[in-house]
Amino acid sequence: MSRPLGRSIFVDQLYSIDAVETRRRLALVMAACRAASIEAKGDRMLDGKLRRIEGELLFAARMAVGELAEALAEHEAKRVPAPPEPSPEPAPPPVRGARLPRLNPRTTP
């Protein structure tokens, strides 16, 4: 089946793949754009798109970190504290001056 003009293999079934495959495709298409820009001796359009996409991804990642950190802090605040650890039993005092059986050295027959 032929691909419509302007359609890339990177977008084939894009909405039916999982997150891992989507991240893999993003890395592949970004690498392909970098390579194409290098071959074109610095294509400004490709370089600009890459910078914009990298900036948007960084912004989205920072927002996600902030939201998740806030949600975790709220969760921790609502959580019932764990009961205190029971105090360990004191160790028995060492045995001093005990009469132990005498051990005779082994003799060879």
Protein backbone atom coordinates (compact mmCIF):
# COMPACT_ATOMS: atom_id res chain seq x y z
CA MET A 1 0.00 0.00 0.00
CA SER A 2 1.45 3.36 -0.99
CA ARG A 3 1.84 6.16 1.51
CA PRO A 4 0.17 9.52 0.78
CA LEU A 5 2.52 12.31 -0.25
CA GLY A 6 4.07 14.00 2.77
CA ARG A 7 3.24 11.13 5.13
CA SER A 8 6.18 9.65 6.99
CA ILE A 9 6.78 6.16 8.32
CA PHE A 10 7.16 7.81 11.72
CA VAL A 11 3.42 8.54 11.92
CA ASP A 12 2.11 5.17 10.69
CA GLN A 13 -0.30 3.82 13.33
CA LEU A 14 0.93 6.52 15.72
CA TYR A 15 -2.27 6.52 17.78
CA SER A 16 -2.40 2.74 18.15
CA ILE A 17 1.04 2.21 19.68
CA ASP A 18 1.97 2.25 23.37
CA ALA A 19 3.98 4.86 25.26
CA VAL A 20 7.29 3.01 24.95
CA GLU A 21 6.98 2.74 21.17
CA THR A 22 5.87 6.39 20.97
CA ARG A 23 8.99 7.52 22.87
CA ARG A 24 11.11 5.35 20.59
CA ARG A 25 9.56 6.91 17.50
CA LEU A 26 10.05 10.40 18.91
CA ALA A 27 13.75 9.65 19.45
CA LEU A 28 14.04 8.23 15.93
CA VAL A 29 12.34 11.15 14.19
CA MET A 30 14.39 13.66 16.20
CA ALA A 31 17.59 11.82 15.24
CA ALA A 32 16.49 11.77 11.60
CA CYS A 33 15.81 15.52 11.71
CA ARG A 34 19.23 16.19 13.26
CA ALA A 35 20.91 14.05 10.60
CA ALA A 36 19.00 15.80 7.81
CA SER A 37 19.97 19.18 9.22
CA ILE A 38 23.63 18.16 9.40
CA GLU A 39 23.51 16.89 5.80
CA ALA A 40 21.98 20.21 4.73
CA LYS A 41 24.75 22.05 6.60
CA GLY A 42 22.43 23.48 9.24
CA ASP A 43 18.87 23.68 7.92
CA ARG A 44 17.40 26.52 9.96
CA MET A 45 13.82 25.25 9.66
CA LEU A 46 14.71 21.80 11.02
CA ASP A 47 16.94 23.26 13.72
CA GLY A 48 14.19 25.66 14.79
CA LYS A 49 11.58 22.89 14.93
CA LEU A 50 13.92 20.69 16.96
CA ARG A 51 14.65 23.49 19.45
CA ARG A 52 10.94 24.27 19.79
CA ILE A 53 10.00 20.60 20.32
CA GLU A 54 12.82 20.07 22.83
CA GLY A 55 11.69 23.18 24.71
CA GLU A 56 8.07 22.01 24.76
CA LEU A 57 9.13 18.55 25.98
CA LEU A 58 11.26 20.10 28.72
CA PHE A 59 8.38 22.37 29.78
CA ALA A 60 5.93 19.43 29.82
CA ALA A 61 8.36 17.30 31.85
CA ARG A 62 8.87 20.08 34.40
CA MET A 63 5.12 20.61 34.73
CA ALA A 64 4.60 16.86 35.20
CA VAL A 65 7.30 16.73 37.90
CA GLY A 66 5.65 19.63 39.72
CA GLU A 67 2.17 18.10 39.55
CA LEU A 68 3.35 14.68 40.69
CA ALA A 69 5.42 16.14 43.54
CA GLU A 70 2.39 18.14 44.71
CA ALA A 71 0.12 15.08 44.52
CA LEU A 72 2.65 13.03 46.47
CA ALA A 73 2.93 15.72 49.15
CA GLU A 74 -0.88 15.80 49.51
CA HIS A 75 -0.96 12.01 49.74
CA GLU A 76 1.77 11.97 52.39
CA ALA A 77 -0.06 14.66 54.41
CA LYS A 78 -3.28 12.58 54.49
CA ARG A 79 -1.53 9.34 55.38
CA VAL A 80 -1.91 8.08 58.95
CA PRO A 81 1.49 8.01 60.61
CA ALA A 82 2.91 4.60 61.35
CA PRO A 83 2.79 3.45 64.97
CA PRO A 84 6.03 4.05 66.85
CA GLU A 85 8.55 1.26 66.88
CA PRO A 86 8.49 -0.76 70.11
CA SER A 87 11.58 -0.19 72.21
CA PRO A 88 14.01 -3.07 71.94
CA GLU A 89 14.39 -5.32 74.94
CA PRO A 90 17.60 -4.65 76.82
CA ALA A 91 20.34 -7.15 76.13
CA PRO A 92 21.09 -9.50 79.00
CA PRO A 93 24.28 -8.69 80.88
CA PRO A 94 27.35 -10.64 79.82
CA VAL A 95 28.16 -13.79 81.77
CA ARG A 96 31.38 -13.31 83.72
CA GLY A 97 33.21 -15.84 85.81
CA ALA A 98 31.10 -18.76 84.66
CA ARG A 99 32.53 -22.21 85.10
CA LEU A 100 32.85 -23.76 81.68
CA PRO A 101 33.89 -27.36 81.06
CA ARG A 102 37.55 -27.87 80.31
CA LEU A 103 38.22 -28.84 76.72
CA ASN A 104 40.96 -31.37 76.25
CA PRO A 105 42.98 -31.16 73.07
CA ARG A 106 42.41 -33.97 70.64
CA THR A 107 45.05 -36.58 70.42
CA THR A 108 45.85 -38.47 67.31
CA PRO A 109 45.74 -42.26 67.54
